[in-house]
Amino acid sequence: LEKLGQPTRVLSAIEVSAICEPFIRRRALRHLEHQRVAILAGGTGNPFFTTDTCAALRAAELEADVLIKATKVEGVYSDDPKKNASAELFEKLSYTDVLNKNLRIMDHAAISLCRDNNIPIIVLNIFKVGNIAKAVCGQQVGTLISPVRDG
């Protein structure tokens, strides 16, 4: 990113002072205010928290507009598409749908944190060129998880 001219800072919950800064909420917010990309590493720094829960926690702490879950599938499916060829890809879901249907795209703690902090989640395929750019630009890609399912 820096080679492309985008100032970047890496912040970690686990101390690695030779490589990055410690994650401190105020410091991360200051970097964002100065138009720097903040890359967050090291999870929460505590055991028993998944990477999804950490992402949701940091999104809430930094008052993110959206959480992008970049993964190896196109979005959220009704079933595992590798095991069930007729699994349905959802374009939009509510947090409640994801939790009640036990759709295992993220753990319940992560979904609940996003729901409680009104942070939409976009689930997309990271390996499909252009997907992240589309999501950042507000174009429909993957599955949108938000308070209300449209349609």
Protein backbone atom coordinates (compact mmCIF):
# COMPACT_ATOMS: atom_id res chain seq x y z
CA LEU A 1 0.00 0.00 0.00
CA GLU A 2 2.81 2.39 0.82
CA LYS A 3 4.41 1.69 -2.57
CA LEU A 4 1.10 2.84 -4.06
CA GLY A 5 1.31 6.06 -2.05
CA GLN A 6 -1.12 5.09 0.71
CA PRO A 7 0.29 5.80 4.19
CA THR A 8 -0.12 2.72 6.35
CA ARG A 9 0.38 1.78 9.99
CA VAL A 10 0.44 -1.70 11.49
CA LEU A 11 -0.85 -1.99 15.05
CA SER A 12 -0.74 -5.20 17.07
CA ALA A 13 -2.43 -6.37 20.26
CA ILE A 14 0.71 -8.44 20.91
CA GLU A 15 3.92 -6.48 21.39
CA VAL A 16 6.22 -6.68 18.36
CA SER A 17 7.89 -3.28 18.66
CA ALA A 18 10.48 -3.96 15.94
CA ILE A 19 7.70 -4.37 13.36
CA CYS A 20 4.65 -2.42 14.50
CA GLU A 21 3.02 -0.16 17.05
CA PRO A 22 0.93 -1.48 19.94
CA PHE A 23 -2.83 -1.37 19.34
CA ILE A 24 -4.19 1.58 21.30
CA ARG A 25 -7.68 2.68 20.28
CA ARG A 26 -6.89 6.40 20.38
CA ARG A 27 -3.75 5.91 18.32
CA ALA A 28 -5.60 3.85 15.70
CA LEU A 29 -8.32 6.51 15.46
CA ARG A 30 -5.68 9.21 15.02
CA HIS A 31 -4.09 7.26 12.14
CA LEU A 32 -7.50 6.94 10.48
CA GLU A 33 -8.18 10.67 10.96
CA HIS A 34 -4.90 11.34 9.14
CA GLN A 35 -6.05 9.16 6.20
CA ARG A 36 -3.66 6.33 7.05
CA VAL A 37 -4.72 2.72 6.57
CA ALA A 38 -4.61 0.92 9.92
CA ILE A 39 -3.70 -2.75 9.60
CA LEU A 40 -4.59 -4.54 12.82
CA ALA A 41 -2.65 -7.65 13.81
CA GLY A 42 -2.28 -9.99 16.75
CA GLY A 43 -5.96 -10.64 17.39
CA THR A 44 -7.21 -9.29 20.70
CA GLY A 45 -4.06 -10.34 22.52
CA ASN A 46 -6.19 -12.70 24.59
CA PRO A 47 -6.89 -16.42 24.19
CA PHE A 48 -10.36 -17.82 23.35
CA PHE A 49 -11.28 -15.07 20.86
CA THR A 50 -11.63 -15.93 17.18
CA THR A 51 -10.30 -13.73 14.41
CA ASP A 52 -13.92 -12.93 13.50
CA THR A 53 -14.71 -11.78 17.03
CA CYS A 54 -11.54 -9.70 17.05
CA ALA A 55 -12.51 -8.08 13.74
CA ALA A 56 -15.97 -7.26 15.11
CA LEU A 57 -14.51 -5.90 18.35
CA ARG A 58 -12.04 -3.66 16.52
CA ALA A 59 -14.77 -2.50 14.11
CA ALA A 60 -16.87 -1.48 17.11
CA GLU A 61 -13.92 0.19 18.88
CA LEU A 62 -13.02 2.18 15.77
CA GLU A 63 -16.66 2.96 14.86
CA ALA A 64 -16.25 1.35 11.45
CA ASP A 65 -18.90 1.94 8.80
CA VAL A 66 -18.74 -1.70 7.72
CA LEU A 67 -16.88 -4.94 8.46
CA ILE A 68 -15.65 -6.79 5.38
CA LYS A 69 -15.26 -10.54 5.92
CA ALA A 70 -12.97 -11.57 3.07
CA THR A 71 -13.06 -15.34 2.70
CA LYS A 72 -12.84 -18.18 0.16
CA VAL A 73 -16.54 -18.36 -0.76
CA GLU A 74 -18.77 -15.89 -2.65
CA GLY A 75 -20.84 -14.98 0.41
CA VAL A 76 -23.21 -16.63 2.88
CA TYR A 77 -24.93 -19.82 1.73
CA SER A 78 -27.89 -21.77 3.10
CA ASP A 79 -25.54 -24.78 3.43
CA ASP A 80 -21.93 -25.67 2.67
CA PRO A 81 -21.68 -25.22 -1.13
CA LYS A 82 -18.84 -27.76 -1.30
CA LYS A 83 -21.10 -30.45 0.19
CA ASN A 84 -24.46 -29.32 -1.22
CA ALA A 85 -24.53 -28.18 -4.86
CA SER A 86 -28.03 -26.73 -4.38
CA ALA A 87 -26.98 -24.46 -1.50
CA GLU A 88 -28.50 -20.99 -1.95
CA LEU A 89 -26.26 -17.91 -1.97
CA PHE A 90 -27.92 -15.10 -0.02
CA GLU A 91 -27.57 -11.53 -1.29
CA LYS A 92 -28.88 -10.01 1.96
CA LEU A 93 -29.53 -11.34 5.46
CA SER A 94 -30.35 -9.88 8.85
CA TYR A 95 -28.15 -10.55 11.88
CA THR A 96 -31.12 -12.45 13.35
CA ASP A 97 -31.37 -14.68 10.25
CA VAL A 98 -27.68 -15.57 10.52
CA LEU A 99 -27.96 -16.38 14.23
CA ASN A 100 -31.31 -18.21 14.13
CA LYS A 101 -30.43 -20.29 11.05
CA ASN A 102 -26.99 -21.01 12.51
CA LEU A 103 -25.33 -19.96 9.24
CA ARG A 104 -21.71 -20.59 10.11
CA ILE A 105 -19.98 -17.81 8.22
CA MET A 106 -18.83 -16.17 11.48
CA ASP A 107 -19.14 -17.10 15.13
CA HIS A 108 -22.14 -15.90 17.12
CA ALA A 109 -20.07 -13.50 19.24
CA ALA A 110 -18.84 -11.66 16.14
CA ILE A 111 -22.33 -11.42 14.60
CA SER A 112 -23.76 -10.25 17.94
CA LEU A 113 -21.08 -7.56 18.37
CA CYS A 114 -21.83 -6.21 14.91
CA ARG A 115 -25.58 -6.34 15.54
CA ASP A 116 -25.27 -4.58 18.91
CA ASN A 117 -23.10 -1.84 17.36
CA ASN A 118 -25.10 -1.58 14.11
CA ILE A 119 -22.10 -2.48 11.92
CA PRO A 120 -23.10 -4.06 8.59
CA ILE A 121 -21.03 -7.05 7.46
CA ILE A 122 -20.12 -7.78 3.84
CA VAL A 123 -19.01 -11.36 3.21
CA LEU A 124 -17.11 -11.73 -0.06
CA ASN A 125 -14.61 -13.88 -1.93
CA ILE A 126 -11.15 -12.37 -1.43
CA PHE A 127 -9.76 -14.35 -4.38
CA LYS A 128 -12.10 -12.72 -6.91
CA VAL A 129 -10.26 -9.70 -8.33
CA GLY A 130 -12.07 -6.44 -7.69
CA ASN A 131 -14.37 -7.67 -4.90
CA ILE A 132 -12.85 -5.57 -2.13
CA ALA A 133 -12.79 -2.47 -4.35
CA LYS A 134 -16.48 -3.04 -5.19
CA ALA A 135 -17.38 -3.38 -1.52
CA VAL A 136 -15.45 -0.26 -0.54
CA CYS A 137 -17.16 1.68 -3.36
CA GLY A 138 -20.61 0.58 -2.17
CA GLN A 139 -21.35 -1.82 -5.04
CA GLN A 140 -23.25 -5.05 -4.37
CA VAL A 141 -20.85 -7.94 -3.88
CA GLY A 142 -21.16 -11.11 -1.83
CA THR A 143 -23.67 -11.07 1.02
CA LEU A 144 -24.72 -8.06 3.08
CA ILE A 145 -25.62 -8.80 6.71
CA SER A 146 -27.45 -5.89 8.33
CA PRO A 147 -30.34 -5.13 10.71
CA VAL A 148 -33.11 -5.90 8.20
CA ARG A 149 -33.29 -8.30 5.29
CA ASP A 150 -34.79 -6.69 2.19
CA GLY A 151 -37.15 -8.93 0.26
